[in-house]
C-alpha atoms as a PDB file:
ATOM      1  CA  UNK A   1      -9.081   2.042   9.738  1.00  0.00           C
ATOM      2  CA  UNK A   2     -11.111  -0.378  11.798  1.00  0.00           C
ATOM      3  CA  UNK A   3     -13.786  -2.706  10.403  1.00  0.00           C
ATOM      4  CA  UNK A   4     -13.003  -1.931   6.757  1.00  0.00           C
ATOM      5  CA  UNK A   5     -14.944  -4.930   5.464  1.00  0.00           C
ATOM      6  CA  UNK A   6     -18.112  -3.627   7.140  1.00  0.00           C
ATOM      7  CA  UNK A   7     -17.883  -0.180   5.525  1.00  0.00           C
ATOM      8  CA  UNK A   8     -20.219   0.682   2.673  1.00  0.00           C
ATOM      9  CA  UNK A   9     -20.326   4.495   2.847  1.00  0.00           C
ATOM     10  CA  UNK A  10     -17.437   6.994   2.666  1.00  0.00           C
ATOM     11  CA  UNK A  11     -15.607   7.654   5.937  1.00  0.00           C
ATOM     12  CA  UNK A  12     -13.268  10.350   7.175  1.00  0.00           C
ATOM     13  CA  UNK A  13     -10.159   9.811   9.291  1.00  0.00           C
ATOM     14  CA  UNK A  14      -9.427  11.703  12.450  1.00  0.00           C
ATOM     15  CA  UNK A  15      -7.754  15.053  11.861  1.00  0.00           C
ATOM     16  CA  UNK A  16      -3.951  14.955  12.093  1.00  0.00           C
ATOM     17  CA  UNK A  17      -1.308  17.678  11.980  1.00  0.00           C
ATOM     18  CA  UNK A  18       1.694  17.798   9.646  1.00  0.00           C
ATOM     19  CA  UNK A  19       4.000  20.805   9.254  1.00  0.00           C
ATOM     20  CA  UNK A  20       1.615  23.061  11.171  1.00  0.00           C
ATOM     21  CA  UNK A  21      -1.455  22.240   9.066  1.00  0.00           C
ATOM     22  CA  UNK A  22      -4.418  20.008   9.923  1.00  0.00           C
ATOM     23  CA  UNK A  23      -5.408  17.319   7.443  1.00  0.00           C
ATOM     24  CA  UNK A  24      -7.758  14.353   7.129  1.00  0.00           C
ATOM     25  CA  UNK A  25      -8.169  11.438   4.719  1.00  0.00           C
ATOM     26  CA  UNK A  26     -11.498  10.766   3.038  1.00  0.00           C
ATOM     27  CA  UNK A  27     -11.934   7.118   2.056  1.00  0.00           C
ATOM     28  CA  UNK A  28     -14.486   5.542  -0.255  1.00  0.00           C
ATOM     29  CA  UNK A  29     -14.257   1.818   0.635  1.00  0.00           C
ATOM     30  CA  UNK A  30     -16.105   0.709  -2.522  1.00  0.00           C
ATOM     31  CA  UNK A  31     -14.781   3.476  -4.775  1.00  0.00           C
ATOM     32  CA  UNK A  32     -16.113   6.924  -5.603  1.00  0.00           C
ATOM     33  CA  UNK A  33     -18.252   7.929  -8.607  1.00  0.00           C
ATOM     34  CA  UNK A  34     -15.199   7.732 -10.909  1.00  0.00           C
ATOM     35  CA  UNK A  35     -14.076   4.234  -9.980  1.00  0.00           C
ATOM     36  CA  UNK A  36     -15.413   0.743  -9.720  1.00  0.00           C
ATOM     37  CA  UNK A  37     -13.951  -2.065  -7.678  1.00  0.00           C
ATOM     38  CA  UNK A  38     -11.213   0.170  -6.253  1.00  0.00           C
ATOM     39  CA  UNK A  39     -10.531   1.884  -2.965  1.00  0.00           C
ATOM     40  CA  UNK A  40     -10.600   5.687  -3.388  1.00  0.00           C
ATOM     41  CA  UNK A  41      -8.446   7.857  -1.077  1.00  0.00           C
ATOM     42  CA  UNK A  42      -8.228  11.655  -0.877  1.00  0.00           C
ATOM     43  CA  UNK A  43      -6.312  14.038   1.365  1.00  0.00           C
ATOM     44  CA  UNK A  44      -8.133  17.173   2.537  1.00  0.00           C
ATOM     45  CA  UNK A  45      -6.744  20.300   4.157  1.00  0.00           C
ATOM     46  CA  UNK A  46      -8.898  20.909   7.239  1.00  0.00           C
ATOM     47  CA  UNK A  47      -8.724  24.734   7.162  1.00  0.00           C
ATOM     48  CA  UNK A  48      -7.660  26.041   3.737  1.00  0.00           C
ATOM     49  CA  UNK A  49      -8.336  29.624   4.878  1.00  0.00           C
ATOM     50  CA  UNK A  50      -5.292  29.340   7.159  1.00  0.00           C
ATOM     51  CA  UNK A  51      -2.848  28.887   4.263  1.00  0.00           C
ATOM     52  CA  UNK A  52       0.180  31.192   4.457  1.00  0.00           C
ATOM     53  CA  UNK A  53      -0.360  32.369   0.859  1.00  0.00           C
ATOM     54  CA  UNK A  54      -4.083  31.998   0.100  1.00  0.00           C
ATOM     55  CA  UNK A  55      -3.691  33.721  -3.292  1.00  0.00           C
ATOM     56  CA  UNK A  56      -1.459  31.058  -4.810  1.00  0.00           C
ATOM     57  CA  UNK A  57      -2.100  28.025  -2.640  1.00  0.00           C
ATOM     58  CA  UNK A  58       0.298  25.456  -1.248  1.00  0.00           C
ATOM     59  CA  UNK A  59       1.990  22.782  -3.348  1.00  0.00           C
ATOM     60  CA  UNK A  60       2.615  19.464  -1.633  1.00  0.00           C
ATOM     61  CA  UNK A  61       4.027  16.075  -2.488  1.00  0.00           C
ATOM     62  CA  UNK A  62       1.764  13.376  -1.111  1.00  0.00           C
ATOM     63  CA  UNK A  63       2.404   9.678  -0.683  1.00  0.00           C
ATOM     64  CA  UNK A  64      -0.561   7.634   0.524  1.00  0.00           C
ATOM     65  CA  UNK A  65       0.184   4.068   1.587  1.00  0.00           C
ATOM     66  CA  UNK A  66      -1.655   1.004   2.794  1.00  0.00           C
ATOM     67  CA  UNK A  67       0.637  -0.932   5.080  1.00  0.00           C
ATOM     68  CA  UNK A  68       1.202  -4.650   4.675  1.00  0.00           C
ATOM     69  CA  UNK A  69       0.893  -5.637   8.325  1.00  0.00           C
ATOM     70  CA  UNK A  70       2.912  -8.860   8.060  1.00  0.00           C
ATOM     71  CA  UNK A  71       5.276  -8.788   5.078  1.00  0.00           C
ATOM     72  CA  UNK A  72       6.356  -5.136   5.072  1.00  0.00           C
ATOM     73  CA  UNK A  73       5.547  -4.737   1.360  1.00  0.00           C
ATOM     74  CA  UNK A  74       3.414  -1.603   1.430  1.00  0.00           C
ATOM     75  CA  UNK A  75       1.295  -0.296  -1.446  1.00  0.00           C
ATOM     76  CA  UNK A  76       2.007   3.403  -2.105  1.00  0.00           C
ATOM     77  CA  UNK A  77       1.093   6.071  -4.647  1.00  0.00           C
ATOM     78  CA  UNK A  78       2.789   9.488  -4.889  1.00  0.00           C
ATOM     79  CA  UNK A  79       1.721  12.727  -6.562  1.00  0.00           C
ATOM     80  CA  UNK A  80       2.008  16.515  -6.361  1.00  0.00           C
ATOM     81  CA  UNK A  81      -1.034  18.671  -5.682  1.00  0.00           C
ATOM     82  CA  UNK A  82      -1.932  22.309  -4.987  1.00  0.00           C
ATOM     83  CA  UNK A  83      -4.246  23.111  -2.088  1.00  0.00           C
ATOM     84  CA  UNK A  84      -5.864  26.548  -2.380  1.00  0.00           C
ATOM     85  CA  UNK A  85      -8.538  28.492  -0.505  1.00  0.00           C
ATOM     86  CA  UNK A  86     -10.893  28.471  -3.487  1.00  0.00           C
ATOM     87  CA  UNK A  87     -10.795  24.683  -3.752  1.00  0.00           C
ATOM     88  CA  UNK A  88     -12.882  22.573  -1.420  1.00  0.00           C
ATOM     89  CA  UNK A  89     -12.073  19.210  -2.959  1.00  0.00           C
ATOM     90  CA  UNK A  90      -9.398  16.916  -1.670  1.00  0.00           C
ATOM     91  CA  UNK A  91      -6.617  15.514  -3.777  1.00  0.00           C
ATOM     92  CA  UNK A  92      -5.830  11.861  -4.236  1.00  0.00           C
ATOM     93  CA  UNK A  93      -6.824   8.867  -6.313  1.00  0.00           C
ATOM     94  CA  UNK A  94     -10.191   7.440  -7.359  1.00  0.00           C
ATOM     95  CA  UNK A  95      -8.512   4.150  -8.303  1.00  0.00           C
ATOM     96  CA  UNK A  96      -6.000   3.981  -5.463  1.00  0.00           C
ATOM     97  CA  UNK A  97      -5.864   0.182  -5.238  1.00  0.00           C
ATOM     98  CA  UNK A  98      -8.095  -2.517  -6.758  1.00  0.00           C
ATOM     99  CA  UNK A  99     -10.314  -4.170  -4.151  1.00  0.00           C
ATOM    100  CA  UNK A 100      -9.091  -7.601  -5.304  1.00  0.00           C
ATOM    101  CA  UNK A 101      -5.504  -6.577  -4.464  1.00  0.00           C
ATOM    102  CA  UNK A 102      -6.538  -4.999  -1.165  1.00  0.00           C
ATOM    103  CA  UNK A 103      -8.387  -8.153  -0.087  1.00  0.00           C
ATOM    104  CA  UNK A 104      -5.910 -10.694  -1.536  1.00  0.00           C
ATOM    105  CA  UNK A 105      -5.039 -13.401   1.016  1.00  0.00           C
ATOM    106  CA  UNK A 106      -1.390 -13.301  -0.114  1.00  0.00           C
ATOM    107  CA  UNK A 107      -1.164  -9.691   1.088  1.00  0.00           C
ATOM    108  CA  UNK A 108      -1.659  -8.437   4.630  1.00  0.00           C
ATOM    109  CA  UNK A 109      -3.252  -5.079   3.846  1.00  0.00           C
ATOM    110  CA  UNK A 110      -6.280  -6.258   5.807  1.00  0.00           C
ATOM    111  CA  UNK A 111      -5.703  -8.107   9.063  1.00  0.00           C
ATOM    112  CA  UNK A 112      -9.026  -9.226  10.397  1.00  0.00           C
ATOM    113  CA  UNK A 113     -11.022  -6.341   8.995  1.00  0.00           C
ATOM    114  CA  UNK A 114      -8.524  -3.571   9.790  1.00  0.00           C
ATOM    115  CA  UNK A 115      -6.184  -1.668   7.487  1.00  0.00           C
ATOM    116  CA  UNK A 116      -3.524   0.924   8.260  1.00  0.00           C
ATOM    117  CA  UNK A 117      -3.248   4.033   6.091  1.00  0.00           C
ATOM    118  CA  UNK A 118      -0.203   6.296   6.080  1.00  0.00           C
ATOM    119  CA  UNK A 119       0.127   9.790   4.619  1.00  0.00           C
ATOM    120  CA  UNK A 120       3.543  11.323   3.945  1.00  0.00           C
ATOM    121  CA  UNK A 121       3.186  15.032   3.173  1.00  0.00           C
ATOM    122  CA  UNK A 122       6.007  17.299   2.038  1.00  0.00           C
ATOM    123  CA  UNK A 123       5.300  20.979   1.497  1.00  0.00           C
ATOM    124  CA  UNK A 124       7.064  22.061  -1.701  1.00  0.00           C
ATOM    125  CA  UNK A 125       6.060  25.748  -1.497  1.00  0.00           C
ATOM    126  CA  UNK A 126       3.427  28.004  -2.997  1.00  0.00           C
ATOM    127  CA  UNK A 127       2.052  27.080  -6.399  1.00  0.00           C
ATOM    128  CA  UNK A 128       3.797  30.206  -7.770  1.00  0.00           C
ATOM    129  CA  UNK A 129       7.219  28.803  -6.786  1.00  0.00           C
ATOM    130  CA  UNK A 130       7.213  26.058  -9.305  1.00  0.00           C
END
């Protein structure tokens, strides 16, 4: 994500493909309505109508990370979520990382004003499998 420090409004990543599905990350650089002083990150399924089992949805395991660009000590959060046709919201975390941690000089999450986000997505199965 380029020019993070200049961002005030929510932004959306480019669409990317994982396991045959298109996704994007929605980022609130100053936090969403449920957080204060935290970066909020959410994964969205680009075309939920293309799910193989639209009745039950698709369960995934998601790890979102901000990469430490110098020290290799990345900040990551993992969770399991169900994406379904009826749901338009993304899944993720309102309080992903405190802004003080993100901007800490001892960390290299921001180099210049740029940060690198990584999404690891594993499809577990339909939400009825579990």
